[in-house]
Amino acid sequence: MQAINFQEIIRLLGPNAGNGLIWNIFIYIIFFLTLITLLLQGDKALLTTIIAASSLLLCVIDKLVIFQPREFGTMIIHCGMFLFPALIAGMTKDPKSRPPAIFAAIIGAVYFFLFWFLLQR
């Protein structure tokens, strides 16, 4: 088992690591829109909060490049980054958190399909 190197983790979370700058920008936009959605959730919205936190976790996992770009796990992560904000937009009862969730879902869909078309095919 490899030792965890925190310097490598910090380097991978930076904007110039991973697959390319355009893909990193997509991940950052999805992450921050989902974070805004998470912060705008009401006090009693536990399920949508958990789904938003899962989407944030998927963004971090994708940014750390745990799976290679052509692996099935990468496609599943990108599906979650696209579908979880869409689920939040449909399930939330708070109208303030709906627009950032919709924008995150749209950008996640663009990211998912562009990444699939250009790198995974």
PDB file of N, CA and C in Angstrom:
ATOM      1  N   MET A   1       0.838  -1.175   0.000  1.00  0.00           N
ATOM      2  CA  MET A   1       0.000   0.000   0.000  1.00  0.00           C
ATOM      3  C   MET A   1       0.887   1.242   0.000  1.00  0.00           C
ATOM      4  N   GLN A   2       0.522   2.205  -0.821  1.00  0.00           N
ATOM      5  CA  GLN A   2       1.305   3.426  -0.922  1.00  0.00           C
ATOM      6  C   GLN A   2       1.003   4.357   0.249  1.00  0.00           C
ATOM      7  N   ALA A   3       2.007   5.108   0.636  1.00  0.00           N
ATOM      8  CA  ALA A   3       1.818   6.107   1.679  1.00  0.00           C
ATOM      9  C   ALA A   3       1.102   7.317   1.083  1.00  0.00           C
ATOM     10  N   ILE A   4       0.281   7.953   1.901  1.00  0.00           N
ATOM     11  CA  ILE A   4      -0.456   9.123   1.442  1.00  0.00           C
ATOM     12  C   ILE A   4       0.483  10.321   1.464  1.00  0.00           C
ATOM     13  N   ASN A   5       0.599  10.986   0.327  1.00  0.00           N
ATOM     14  CA  ASN A   5       1.445  12.154   0.199  1.00  0.00           C
ATOM     15  C   ASN A   5       0.543  13.382   0.067  1.00  0.00           C
ATOM     16  N   PHE A   6       0.459  14.180   1.115  1.00  0.00           N
ATOM     17  CA  PHE A   6      -0.445  15.318   1.123  1.00  0.00           C
ATOM     18  C   PHE A   6      -0.003  16.405   0.143  1.00  0.00           C
ATOM     19  N   GLN A   7       1.287  16.510  -0.116  1.00  0.00           N
ATOM     20  CA  GLN A   7       1.766  17.480  -1.094  1.00  0.00           C
ATOM     21  C   GLN A   7       1.256  17.131  -2.495  1.00  0.00           C
ATOM     22  N   GLU A   8       1.194  15.845  -2.800  1.00  0.00           N
ATOM     23  CA  GLU A   8       0.676  15.410  -4.100  1.00  0.00           C
ATOM     24  C   GLU A   8      -0.828  15.671  -4.208  1.00  0.00           C
ATOM     25  N   ILE A   9      -1.549  15.489  -3.117  1.00  0.00           N
ATOM     26  CA  ILE A   9      -2.984  15.768  -3.108  1.00  0.00           C
ATOM     27  C   ILE A   9      -3.243  17.248  -3.330  1.00  0.00           C
ATOM     28  N   ILE A  10      -2.507  18.102  -2.655  1.00  0.00           N
ATOM     29  CA  ILE A  10      -2.651  19.547  -2.836  1.00  0.00           C
ATOM     30  C   ILE A  10      -2.299  19.945  -4.268  1.00  0.00           C
ATOM     31  N   ARG A  11      -1.260  19.323  -4.832  1.00  0.00           N
ATOM     32  CA  ARG A  11      -0.878  19.620  -6.217  1.00  0.00           C
ATOM     33  C   ARG A  11      -1.970  19.211  -7.192  1.00  0.00           C
ATOM     34  N   LEU A  12      -2.583  18.061  -6.964  1.00  0.00           N
ATOM     35  CA  LEU A  12      -3.638  17.584  -7.856  1.00  0.00           C
ATOM     36  C   LEU A  12      -4.906  18.416  -7.755  1.00  0.00           C
ATOM     37  N   LEU A  13      -5.161  19.024  -6.602  1.00  0.00           N
ATOM     38  CA  LEU A  13      -6.343  19.874  -6.456  1.00  0.00           C
ATOM     39  C   LEU A  13      -6.152  21.256  -7.068  1.00  0.00           C
ATOM     40  N   GLY A  14      -4.927  21.574  -7.455  1.00  0.00           N
ATOM     41  CA  GLY A  14      -4.642  22.872  -8.074  1.00  0.00           C
ATOM     42  C   GLY A  14      -5.190  22.950  -9.484  1.00  0.00           C
ATOM     43  N   PRO A  15      -5.216  24.145 -10.063  1.00  0.00           N
ATOM     44  CA  PRO A  15      -5.839  24.327 -11.383  1.00  0.00           C
ATOM     45  C   PRO A  15      -5.034  23.777 -12.548  1.00  0.00           C
ATOM     46  N   ASN A  16      -3.759  23.511 -12.400  1.00  0.00           N
ATOM     47  CA  ASN A  16      -2.951  23.081 -13.539  1.00  0.00           C
ATOM     48  C   ASN A  16      -2.664  21.592 -13.554  1.00  0.00           C
ATOM     49  N   ALA A  17      -3.277  20.827 -12.677  1.00  0.00           N
ATOM     50  CA  ALA A  17      -3.025  19.389 -12.617  1.00  0.00           C
ATOM     51  C   ALA A  17      -4.171  18.633 -13.273  1.00  0.00           C
ATOM     52  N   GLY A  18      -3.948  17.366 -13.550  1.00  0.00           N
ATOM     53  CA  GLY A  18      -5.018  16.541 -14.103  1.00  0.00           C
ATOM     54  C   GLY A  18      -4.996  16.487 -15.613  1.00  0.00           C
ATOM     55  N   ASN A  19      -6.168  16.408 -16.209  1.00  0.00           N
ATOM     56  CA  ASN A  19      -6.272  16.190 -17.643  1.00  0.00           C
ATOM     57  C   ASN A  19      -6.004  17.428 -18.479  1.00  0.00           C
ATOM     58  N   GLY A  20      -6.454  18.575 -18.043  1.00  0.00           N
ATOM     59  CA  GLY A  20      -6.264  19.798 -18.801  1.00  0.00           C
ATOM     60  C   GLY A  20      -6.993  20.947 -18.132  1.00  0.00           C
ATOM     61  N   LEU A  21      -6.641  22.150 -18.525  1.00  0.00           N
ATOM     62  CA  LEU A  21      -7.192  23.331 -17.869  1.00  0.00           C
ATOM     63  C   LEU A  21      -8.691  23.464 -18.094  1.00  0.00           C
ATOM     64  N   ILE A  22      -9.177  23.186 -19.300  1.00  0.00           N
ATOM     65  CA  ILE A  22     -10.613  23.342 -19.573  1.00  0.00           C
ATOM     66  C   ILE A  22     -11.440  22.370 -18.733  1.00  0.00           C
ATOM     67  N   TRP A  23     -10.939  21.146 -18.542  1.00  0.00           N
ATOM     68  CA  TRP A  23     -11.663  20.162 -17.722  1.00  0.00           C
ATOM     69  C   TRP A  23     -11.651  20.589 -16.262  1.00  0.00           C
ATOM     70  N   ASN A  24     -10.540  21.181 -15.811  1.00  0.00           N
ATOM     71  CA  ASN A  24     -10.458  21.667 -14.436  1.00  0.00           C
ATOM     72  C   ASN A  24     -11.429  22.816 -14.198  1.00  0.00           C
ATOM     73  N   ILE A  25     -11.572  23.692 -15.176  1.00  0.00           N
ATOM     74  CA  ILE A  25     -12.524  24.801 -15.045  1.00  0.00           C
ATOM     75  C   ILE A  25     -13.944  24.261 -14.910  1.00  0.00           C
ATOM     76  N   PHE A  26     -14.292  23.257 -15.710  1.00  0.00           N
ATOM     77  CA  PHE A  26     -15.620  22.638 -15.600  1.00  0.00           C
ATOM     78  C   PHE A  26     -15.833  22.069 -14.196  1.00  0.00           C
ATOM     79  N   ILE A  27     -14.831  21.364 -13.676  1.00  0.00           N
ATOM     80  CA  ILE A  27     -14.960  20.755 -12.348  1.00  0.00           C
ATOM     81  C   ILE A  27     -15.128  21.829 -11.277  1.00  0.00           C
ATOM     82  N   TYR A  28     -14.338  22.905 -11.364  1.00  0.00           N
ATOM     83  CA  TYR A  28     -14.448  23.984 -10.382  1.00  0.00           C
ATOM     84  C   TYR A  28     -15.818  24.649 -10.430  1.00  0.00           C
ATOM     85  N   ILE A  29     -16.341  24.888 -11.627  1.00  0.00           N
ATOM     86  CA  ILE A  29     -17.657  25.529 -11.747  1.00  0.00           C
ATOM     87  C   ILE A  29     -18.740  24.633 -11.153  1.00  0.00           C
ATOM     88  N   ILE A  30     -18.701  23.341 -11.480  1.00  0.00           N
ATOM     89  CA  ILE A  30     -19.680  22.402 -10.926  1.00  0.00           C
ATOM     90  C   ILE A  30     -19.558  22.352  -9.401  1.00  0.00           C
ATOM     91  N   PHE A  31     -18.325  22.318  -8.900  1.00  0.00           N
ATOM     92  CA  PHE A  31     -18.098  22.256  -7.455  1.00  0.00           C
ATOM     93  C   PHE A  31     -18.684  23.481  -6.757  1.00  0.00           C
ATOM     94  N   PHE A  32     -18.380  24.672  -7.255  1.00  0.00           N
ATOM     95  CA  PHE A  32     -18.834  25.875  -6.559  1.00  0.00           C
ATOM     96  C   PHE A  32     -20.335  26.096  -6.693  1.00  0.00           C
ATOM     97  N   LEU A  33     -20.924  25.752  -7.830  1.00  0.00           N
ATOM     98  CA  LEU A  33     -22.384  25.866  -7.956  1.00  0.00           C
ATOM     99  C   LEU A  33     -23.093  24.871  -7.033  1.00  0.00           C
ATOM    100  N   THR A  34     -22.548  23.675  -6.916  1.00  0.00           N
ATOM    101  CA  THR A  34     -23.131  22.691  -6.001  1.00  0.00           C
ATOM    102  C   THR A  34     -22.924  23.112  -4.550  1.00  0.00           C
ATOM    103  N   LEU A  35     -21.787  23.720  -4.244  1.00  0.00           N
ATOM    104  CA  LEU A  35     -21.547  24.225  -2.889  1.00  0.00           C
ATOM    105  C   LEU A  35     -22.540  25.335  -2.539  1.00  0.00           C
ATOM    106  N   ILE A  36     -22.811  26.224  -3.493  1.00  0.00           N
ATOM    107  CA  ILE A  36     -23.814  27.272  -3.266  1.00  0.00           C
ATOM    108  C   ILE A  36     -25.184  26.638  -3.042  1.00  0.00           C
ATOM    109  N   THR A  37     -25.498  25.628  -3.830  1.00  0.00           N
ATOM    110  CA  THR A  37     -26.766  24.920  -3.652  1.00  0.00           C
ATOM    111  C   THR A  37     -26.842  24.280  -2.271  1.00  0.00           C
ATOM    112  N   LEU A  38     -25.756  23.681  -1.836  1.00  0.00           N
ATOM    113  CA  LEU A  38     -25.712  23.056  -0.512  1.00  0.00           C
ATOM    114  C   LEU A  38     -25.930  24.084   0.592  1.00  0.00           C
ATOM    115  N   LEU A  39     -25.312  25.242   0.456  1.00  0.00           N
ATOM    116  CA  LEU A  39     -25.441  26.262   1.494  1.00  0.00           C
ATOM    117  C   LEU A  39     -26.819  26.915   1.511  1.00  0.00           C
ATOM    118  N   LEU A  40     -27.529  26.882   0.379  1.00  0.00           N
ATOM    119  CA  LEU A  40     -28.859  27.480   0.319  1.00  0.00           C
ATOM    120  C   LEU A  40     -29.980  26.522   0.726  1.00  0.00           C
ATOM    121  N   GLN A  41     -29.644  25.281   1.020  1.00  0.00           N
ATOM    122  CA  GLN A  41     -30.663  24.320   1.437  1.00  0.00           C
ATOM    123  C   GLN A  41     -31.215  24.692   2.801  1.00  0.00           C
ATOM    124  N   GLY A  42     -32.460  24.331   3.033  1.00  0.00           N
ATOM    125  CA  GLY A  42     -33.094  24.599   4.321  1.00  0.00           C
ATOM    126  C   GLY A  42     -32.582  23.683   5.413  1.00  0.00           C
ATOM    127  N   ASP A  43     -33.032  23.945   6.631  1.00  0.00           N
ATOM    128  CA  ASP A  43     -32.585  23.164   7.784  1.00  0.00           C
ATOM    129  C   ASP A  43     -33.111  21.732   7.776  1.00  0.00           C
ATOM    130  N   LYS A  44     -34.275  21.529   7.233  1.00  0.00           N
ATOM    131  CA  LYS A  44     -34.899  20.206   7.295  1.00  0.00           C
ATOM    132  C   LYS A  44     -34.728  19.403   5.996  1.00  0.00           C
ATOM    133  N   ALA A  45     -33.834  19.835   5.109  1.00  0.00           N
ATOM    134  CA  ALA A  45     -33.635  19.174   3.821  1.00  0.00           C
ATOM    135  C   ALA A  45     -32.415  18.260   3.891  1.00  0.00           C
ATOM    136  N   LEU A  46     -32.538  17.174   4.635  1.00  0.00           N
ATOM    137  CA  LEU A  46     -31.395  16.287   4.856  1.00  0.00           C
ATOM    138  C   LEU A  46     -31.022  15.527   3.589  1.00  0.00           C
ATOM    139  N   LEU A  47     -31.985  15.006   2.867  1.00  0.00           N
ATOM    140  CA  LEU A  47     -31.688  14.189   1.689  1.00  0.00           C
ATOM    141  C   LEU A  47     -31.007  15.010   0.597  1.00  0.00           C
ATOM    142  N   THR A  48     -31.510  16.199   0.322  1.00  0.00           N
ATOM    143  CA  THR A  48     -30.876  17.030  -0.703  1.00  0.00           C
ATOM    144  C   THR A  48     -29.492  17.507  -0.253  1.00  0.00           C
ATOM    145  N   THR A  49     -29.305  17.691   1.033  1.00  0.00           N
ATOM    146  CA  THR A  49     -27.986  18.066   1.547  1.00  0.00           C
ATOM    147  C   THR A  49     -26.989  16.926   1.364  1.00  0.00           C
ATOM    148  N   ILE A  50     -27.418  15.708   1.618  1.00  0.00           N
ATOM    149  CA  ILE A  50     -26.543  14.541   1.431  1.00  0.00           C
ATOM    150  C   ILE A  50     -26.206  14.353  -0.044  1.00  0.00           C
ATOM    151  N   ILE A  51     -27.179  14.542  -0.921  1.00  0.00           N
ATOM    152  CA  ILE A  51     -26.929  14.407  -2.350  1.00  0.00           C
ATOM    153  C   ILE A  51     -25.957  15.487  -2.827  1.00  0.00           C
ATOM    154  N   ALA A  52     -26.109  16.714  -2.335  1.00  0.00           N
ATOM    155  CA  ALA A  52     -25.187  17.792  -2.709  1.00  0.00           C
ATOM    156  C   ALA A  52     -23.780  17.501  -2.200  1.00  0.00           C
ATOM    157  N   ALA A  53     -23.668  16.998  -0.992  1.00  0.00           N
ATOM    158  CA  ALA A  53     -22.350  16.650  -0.456  1.00  0.00           C
ATOM    159  C   ALA A  53     -21.717  15.508  -1.251  1.00  0.00           C
ATOM    160  N   SER A  54     -22.533  14.572  -1.710  1.00  0.00           N
ATOM    161  CA  SER A  54     -22.021  13.483  -2.553  1.00  0.00           C
ATOM    162  C   SER A  54     -21.515  14.013  -3.883  1.00  0.00           C
ATOM    163  N   SER A  55     -22.211  14.982  -4.431  1.00  0.00           N
ATOM    164  CA  SER A  55     -21.763  15.591  -5.680  1.00  0.00           C
ATOM    165  C   SER A  55     -20.444  16.334  -5.483  1.00  0.00           C
ATOM    166  N   LEU A  56     -20.300  17.017  -4.354  1.00  0.00           N
ATOM    167  CA  LEU A  56     -19.032  17.675  -4.051  1.00  0.00           C
ATOM    168  C   LEU A  56     -17.906  16.657  -3.920  1.00  0.00           C
ATOM    169  N   LEU A  57     -18.192  15.538  -3.285  1.00  0.00           N
ATOM    170  CA  LEU A  57     -17.196  14.478  -3.133  1.00  0.00           C
ATOM    171  C   LEU A  57     -16.794  13.906  -4.491  1.00  0.00           C
ATOM    172  N   LEU A  58     -17.749  13.743  -5.386  1.00  0.00           N
ATOM    173  CA  LEU A  58     -17.433  13.244  -6.726  1.00  0.00           C
ATOM    174  C   LEU A  58     -16.554  14.226  -7.488  1.00  0.00           C
ATOM    175  N   CYS A  59     -16.779  15.516  -7.295  1.00  0.00           N
ATOM    176  CA  CYS A  59     -15.919  16.518  -7.935  1.00  0.00           C
ATOM    177  C   CYS A  59     -14.481  16.400  -7.436  1.00  0.00           C
ATOM    178  N   VAL A  60     -14.314  16.202  -6.137  1.00  0.00           N
ATOM    179  CA  VAL A  60     -12.973  16.065  -5.569  1.00  0.00           C
ATOM    180  C   VAL A  60     -12.314  14.777  -6.057  1.00  0.00           C
ATOM    181  N   ILE A  61     -13.061  13.692  -6.109  1.00  0.00           N
ATOM    182  CA  ILE A  61     -12.516  12.423  -6.592  1.00  0.00           C
ATOM    183  C   ILE A  61     -12.093  12.546  -8.051  1.00  0.00           C
ATOM    184  N   ASP A  62     -12.908  13.224  -8.855  1.00  0.00           N
ATOM    185  CA  ASP A  62     -12.552  13.412 -10.260  1.00  0.00           C
ATOM    186  C   ASP A  62     -11.326  14.301 -10.388  1.00  0.00           C
ATOM    187  N   LYS A  63     -11.207  15.297  -9.554  1.00  0.00           N
ATOM    188  CA  LYS A  63     -10.060  16.210  -9.615  1.00  0.00           C
ATOM    189  C   LYS A  63      -8.781  15.506  -9.194  1.00  0.00           C
ATOM    190  N   LEU A  64      -8.863  14.540  -8.297  1.00  0.00           N
ATOM    191  CA  LEU A  64      -7.685  13.804  -7.840  1.00  0.00           C
ATOM    192  C   LEU A  64      -7.231  12.732  -8.826  1.00  0.00           C
ATOM    193  N   VAL A  65      -7.973  12.522  -9.897  1.00  0.00           N
ATOM    194  CA  VAL A  65      -7.654  11.571 -10.971  1.00  0.00           C
ATOM    195  C   VAL A  65      -7.368  10.188 -10.380  1.00  0.00           C
ATOM    196  N   ILE A  66      -8.344   9.676  -9.652  1.00  0.00           N
ATOM    197  CA  ILE A  66      -8.208   8.348  -9.066  1.00  0.00           C
ATOM    198  C   ILE A  66      -8.349   7.273 -10.150  1.00  0.00           C
ATOM    199  N   PHE A  67      -9.248   7.491 -11.085  1.00  0.00           N
ATOM    200  CA  PHE A  67      -9.408   6.589 -12.226  1.00  0.00           C
ATOM    201  C   PHE A  67      -8.800   7.243 -13.458  1.00  0.00           C
ATOM    202  N   GLN A  68      -8.281   6.425 -14.348  1.00  0.00           N
ATOM    203  CA  GLN A  68      -7.765   6.940 -15.615  1.00  0.00           C
ATOM    204  C   GLN A  68      -8.933   7.427 -16.477  1.00  0.00           C
ATOM    205  N   PRO A  69      -8.700   8.356 -17.424  1.00  0.00           N
ATOM    206  CA  PRO A  69      -9.815   8.933 -18.193  1.00  0.00           C
ATOM    207  C   PRO A  69     -10.649   7.922 -18.978  1.00  0.00           C
ATOM    208  N   ARG A  70     -10.082   6.803 -19.399  1.00  0.00           N
ATOM    209  CA  ARG A  70     -10.835   5.844 -20.207  1.00  0.00           C
ATOM    210  C   ARG A  70     -11.474   4.721 -19.394  1.00  0.00           C
ATOM    211  N   GLU A  71     -11.416   4.799 -18.084  1.00  0.00           N
ATOM    212  CA  GLU A  71     -11.984   3.743 -17.251  1.00  0.00           C
ATOM    213  C   GLU A  71     -13.467   3.986 -16.985  1.00  0.00           C
ATOM    214  N   PHE A  72     -14.146   2.909 -16.614  1.00  0.00           N
ATOM    215  CA  PHE A  72     -15.580   2.972 -16.345  1.00  0.00           C
ATOM    216  C   PHE A  72     -15.886   3.810 -15.111  1.00  0.00           C
ATOM    217  N   GLY A  73     -15.006   3.794 -14.122  1.00  0.00           N
ATOM    218  CA  GLY A  73     -15.212   4.574 -12.904  1.00  0.00           C
ATOM    219  C   GLY A  73     -15.266   6.068 -13.177  1.00  0.00           C
ATOM    220  N   THR A  74     -14.478   6.530 -14.132  1.00  0.00           N
ATOM    221  CA  THR A  74     -14.513   7.948 -14.497  1.00  0.00           C
ATOM    222  C   THR A  74     -15.862   8.318 -15.081  1.00  0.00           C
ATOM    223  N   MET A  75     -16.416   7.443 -15.897  1.00  0.00           N
ATOM    224  CA  MET A  75     -17.727   7.718 -16.481  1.00  0.00           C
ATOM    225  C   MET A  75     -18.814   7.754 -15.401  1.00  0.00           C
ATOM    226  N   ILE A  76     -18.746   6.877 -14.434  1.00  0.00           N
ATOM    227  CA  ILE A  76     -19.719   6.862 -13.341  1.00  0.00           C
ATOM    228  C   ILE A  76     -19.608   8.140 -12.505  1.00  0.00           C
ATOM    229  N   ILE A  77     -18.385   8.588 -12.248  1.00  0.00           N
ATOM    230  CA  ILE A  77     -18.186   9.833 -11.496  1.00  0.00           C
ATOM    231  C   ILE A  77     -18.787  11.005 -12.260  1.00  0.00           C
ATOM    232  N   HIS A  78     -18.561  11.062 -13.554  1.00  0.00           N
ATOM    233  CA  HIS A  78     -19.108  12.163 -14.354  1.00  0.00           C
ATOM    234  C   HIS A  78     -20.631  12.096 -14.428  1.00  0.00           C
ATOM    235  N   CYS A  79     -21.182  10.902 -14.467  1.00  0.00           N
ATOM    236  CA  CYS A  79     -22.650  10.764 -14.429  1.00  0.00           C
ATOM    237  C   CYS A  79     -23.205  11.328 -13.131  1.00  0.00           C
ATOM    238  N   GLY A  80     -22.552  11.033 -12.015  1.00  0.00           N
ATOM    239  CA  GLY A  80     -23.000  11.556 -10.731  1.00  0.00           C
ATOM    240  C   GLY A  80     -22.884  13.058 -10.645  1.00  0.00           C
ATOM    241  N   MET A  81     -21.817  13.623 -11.230  1.00  0.00           N
ATOM    242  CA  MET A  81     -21.649  15.074 -11.229  1.00  0.00           C
ATOM    243  C   MET A  81     -22.718  15.758 -12.072  1.00  0.00           C
ATOM    244  N   PHE A  82     -23.293  15.041 -13.005  1.00  0.00           N
ATOM    245  CA  PHE A  82     -24.367  15.565 -13.845  1.00  0.00           C
ATOM    246  C   PHE A  82     -25.740  15.321 -13.219  1.00  0.00           C
ATOM    247  N   LEU A  83     -25.961  14.128 -12.690  1.00  0.00           N
ATOM    248  CA  LEU A  83     -27.292  13.757 -12.214  1.00  0.00           C
ATOM    249  C   LEU A  83     -27.619  14.262 -10.806  1.00  0.00           C
ATOM    250  N   PHE A  84     -26.652  14.316  -9.909  1.00  0.00           N
ATOM    251  CA  PHE A  84     -26.950  14.745  -8.542  1.00  0.00           C
ATOM    252  C   PHE A  84     -27.467  16.177  -8.457  1.00  0.00           C
ATOM    253  N   PRO A  85     -26.848  17.157  -9.143  1.00  0.00           N
ATOM    254  CA  PRO A  85     -27.453  18.498  -9.104  1.00  0.00           C
ATOM    255  C   PRO A  85     -28.839  18.555  -9.745  1.00  0.00           C
ATOM    256  N   ALA A  86     -29.074  17.731 -10.768  1.00  0.00           N
ATOM    257  CA  ALA A  86     -30.411  17.685 -11.377  1.00  0.00           C
ATOM    258  C   ALA A  86     -31.429  17.116 -10.392  1.00  0.00           C
ATOM    259  N   LEU A  87     -31.031  16.101  -9.632  1.00  0.00           N
ATOM    260  CA  LEU A  87     -31.915  15.554  -8.595  1.00  0.00           C
ATOM    261  C   LEU A  87     -32.218  16.589  -7.523  1.00  0.00           C
ATOM    262  N   ILE A  88     -31.209  17.341  -7.131  1.00  0.00           N
ATOM    263  CA  ILE A  88     -31.415  18.379  -6.121  1.00  0.00           C
ATOM    264  C   ILE A  88     -32.384  19.433  -6.640  1.00  0.00           C
ATOM    265  N   ALA A  89     -32.213  19.837  -7.898  1.00  0.00           N
ATOM    266  CA  ALA A  89     -33.103  20.853  -8.476  1.00  0.00           C
ATOM    267  C   ALA A  89     -34.547  20.373  -8.503  1.00  0.00           C
ATOM    268  N   GLY A  90     -34.740  19.087  -8.722  1.00  0.00           N
ATOM    269  CA  GLY A  90     -36.095  18.561  -8.757  1.00  0.00           C
ATOM    270  C   GLY A  90     -36.693  18.282  -7.390  1.00  0.00           C
ATOM    271  N   MET A  91     -35.854  18.017  -6.406  1.00  0.00           N
ATOM    272  CA  MET A  91     -36.353  17.612  -5.095  1.00  0.00           C
ATOM    273  C   MET A  91     -36.461  18.743  -4.088  1.00  0.00           C
ATOM    274  N   THR A  92     -35.741  19.827  -4.291  1.00  0.00           N
ATOM    275  CA  THR A  92     -35.679  20.852  -3.259  1.00  0.00           C
ATOM    276  C   THR A  92     -36.994  21.609  -3.126  1.00  0.00           C
ATOM    277  N   LYS A  93     -37.284  21.997  -1.910  1.00  0.00           N
ATOM    278  CA  LYS A  93     -38.485  22.784  -1.638  1.00  0.00           C
ATOM    279  C   LYS A  93     -38.155  24.265  -1.510  1.00  0.00           C
ATOM    280  N   ASP A  94     -36.859  24.580  -1.479  1.00  0.00           N
ATOM    281  CA  ASP A  94     -36.407  25.960  -1.336  1.00  0.00           C
ATOM    282  C   ASP A  94     -36.152  26.545  -2.718  1.00  0.00           C
ATOM    283  N   PRO A  95     -36.928  27.541  -3.149  1.00  0.00           N
ATOM    284  CA  PRO A  95     -36.765  28.066  -4.513  1.00  0.00           C
ATOM    285  C   PRO A  95     -35.444  28.814  -4.729  1.00  0.00           C
ATOM    286  N   LYS A  96     -34.779  29.248  -3.657  1.00  0.00           N
ATOM    287  CA  LYS A  96     -33.505  29.940  -3.814  1.00  0.00           C
ATOM    288  C   LYS A  96     -32.402  29.007  -4.299  1.00  0.00           C
ATOM    289  N   SER A  97     -32.460  27.747  -3.910  1.00  0.00           N
ATOM    290  CA  SER A  97     -31.382  26.825  -4.253  1.00  0.00           C
ATOM    291  C   SER A  97     -31.601  26.124  -5.592  1.00  0.00           C
ATOM    292  N   ARG A  98     -32.722  26.360  -6.233  1.00  0.00           N
ATOM    293  CA  ARG A  98     -33.001  25.692  -7.497  1.00  0.00           C
ATOM    294  C   ARG A  98     -32.136  26.211  -8.661  1.00  0.00           C
ATOM    295  N   PRO A  99     -31.975  27.542  -8.874  1.00  0.00           N
ATOM    296  CA  PRO A  99     -31.171  28.001 -10.024  1.00  0.00           C
ATOM    297  C   PRO A  99     -29.715  27.547 -10.021  1.00  0.00           C
ATOM    298  N   PRO A 100     -28.970  27.618  -8.889  1.00  0.00           N
ATOM    299  CA  PRO A 100     -27.601  27.109  -8.964  1.00  0.00           C
ATOM    300  C   PRO A 100     -27.540  25.609  -9.222  1.00  0.00           C
ATOM    301  N   ALA A 101     -28.525  24.868  -8.734  1.00  0.00           N
ATOM    302  CA  ALA A 101     -28.548  23.428  -8.987  1.00  0.00           C
ATOM    303  C   ALA A 101     -28.814  23.148 -10.469  1.00  0.00           C
ATOM    304  N   ILE A 102     -29.694  23.931 -11.080  1.00  0.00           N
ATOM    305  CA  ILE A 102     -29.974  23.755 -12.512  1.00  0.00           C
ATOM    306  C   ILE A 102     -28.737  24.090 -13.340  1.00  0.00           C
ATOM    307  N   PHE A 103     -28.057  25.190 -12.996  1.00  0.00           N
ATOM    308  CA  PHE A 103     -26.838  25.553 -13.723  1.00  0.00           C
ATOM    309  C   PHE A 103     -25.746  24.508 -13.539  1.00  0.00           C
ATOM    310  N   ALA A 104     -25.625  23.970 -12.335  1.00  0.00           N
ATOM    311  CA  ALA A 104     -24.639  22.916 -12.085  1.00  0.00           C
ATOM    312  C   ALA A 104     -24.969  21.668 -12.896  1.00  0.00           C
ATOM    313  N   ALA A 105     -26.258  21.333 -13.005  1.00  0.00           N
ATOM    314  CA  ALA A 105     -26.656  20.164 -13.792  1.00  0.00           C
ATOM    315  C   ALA A 105     -26.384  20.380 -15.282  1.00  0.00           C
ATOM    316  N   ILE A 106     -26.641  21.586 -15.781  1.00  0.00           N
ATOM    317  CA  ILE A 106     -26.395  21.868 -17.194  1.00  0.00           C
ATOM    318  C   ILE A 106     -24.899  21.816 -17.497  1.00  0.00           C
ATOM    319  N   ILE A 107     -24.097  22.448 -16.658  1.00  0.00           N
ATOM    320  CA  ILE A 107     -22.652  22.427 -16.875  1.00  0.00           C
ATOM    321  C   ILE A 107     -22.102  21.019 -16.677  1.00  0.00           C
ATOM    322  N   GLY A 108     -22.676  20.268 -15.730  1.00  0.00           N
ATOM    323  CA  GLY A 108     -22.283  18.871 -15.553  1.00  0.00           C
ATOM    324  C   GLY A 108     -22.619  18.024 -16.769  1.00  0.00           C
ATOM    325  N   ALA A 109     -23.752  18.288 -17.402  1.00  0.00           N
ATOM    326  CA  ALA A 109     -24.115  17.547 -18.613  1.00  0.00           C
ATOM    327  C   ALA A 109     -23.168  17.866 -19.757  1.00  0.00           C
ATOM    328  N   VAL A 110     -22.845  19.152 -19.911  1.00  0.00           N
ATOM    329  CA  VAL A 110     -21.898  19.550 -20.961  1.00  0.00           C
ATOM    330  C   VAL A 110     -20.539  18.900 -20.710  1.00  0.00           C
ATOM    331  N   TYR A 111     -20.094  18.929 -19.453  1.00  0.00           N
ATOM    332  CA  TYR A 111     -18.812  18.316 -19.093  1.00  0.00           C
ATOM    333  C   TYR A 111     -18.832  16.808 -19.351  1.00  0.00           C
ATOM    334  N   PHE A 112     -19.900  16.151 -18.925  1.00  0.00           N
ATOM    335  CA  PHE A 112     -20.010  14.705 -19.107  1.00  0.00           C
ATOM    336  C   PHE A 112     -19.950  14.329 -20.584  1.00  0.00           C
ATOM    337  N   PHE A 113     -20.753  14.981 -21.420  1.00  0.00           N
ATOM    338  CA  PHE A 113     -20.816  14.595 -22.825  1.00  0.00           C
ATOM    339  C   PHE A 113     -19.568  15.014 -23.598  1.00  0.00           C
ATOM    340  N   LEU A 114     -18.987  16.184 -23.300  1.00  0.00           N
ATOM    341  CA  LEU A 114     -17.752  16.581 -23.974  1.00  0.00           C
ATOM    342  C   LEU A 114     -16.588  15.673 -23.599  1.00  0.00           C
ATOM    343  N   PHE A 115     -16.473  15.359 -22.314  1.00  0.00           N
ATOM    344  CA  PHE A 115     -15.398  14.470 -21.872  1.00  0.00           C
ATOM    345  C   PHE A 115     -15.558  13.097 -22.492  1.00  0.00           C
ATOM    346  N   TRP A 116     -16.793  12.607 -22.545  1.00  0.00           N
ATOM    347  CA  TRP A 116     -17.024  11.304 -23.161  1.00  0.00           C
ATOM    348  C   TRP A 116     -16.687  11.347 -24.655  1.00  0.00           C
ATOM    349  N   PHE A 117     -17.125  12.391 -25.342  1.00  0.00           N
ATOM    350  CA  PHE A 117     -16.932  12.464 -26.780  1.00  0.00           C
ATOM    351  C   PHE A 117     -15.462  12.655 -27.153  1.00  0.00           C
ATOM    352  N   LEU A 118     -14.734  13.445 -26.379  1.00  0.00           N
ATOM    353  CA  LEU A 118     -13.364  13.766 -26.756  1.00  0.00           C
ATOM    354  C   LEU A 118     -12.303  12.836 -26.167  1.00  0.00           C
ATOM    355  N   LEU A 119     -12.520  12.311 -24.961  1.00  0.00           N
ATOM    356  CA  LEU A 119     -11.468  11.523 -24.312  1.00  0.00           C
ATOM    357  C   LEU A 119     -11.821  10.072 -24.044  1.00  0.00           C
ATOM    358  N   GLN A 120     -13.071   9.749 -23.824  1.00  0.00           N
ATOM    359  CA  GLN A 120     -13.411   8.384 -23.410  1.00  0.00           C
ATOM    360  C   GLN A 120     -13.788   7.461 -24.566  1.00  0.00           C
ATOM    361  N   ARG A 121     -14.231   8.007 -25.646  1.00  0.00           N
ATOM    362  CA  ARG A 121     -14.696   7.171 -26.738  1.00  0.00           C
ATOM    363  C   ARG A 121     -13.665   6.222 -27.161  1.00  0.00           C
TER     364      ARG A 121
END
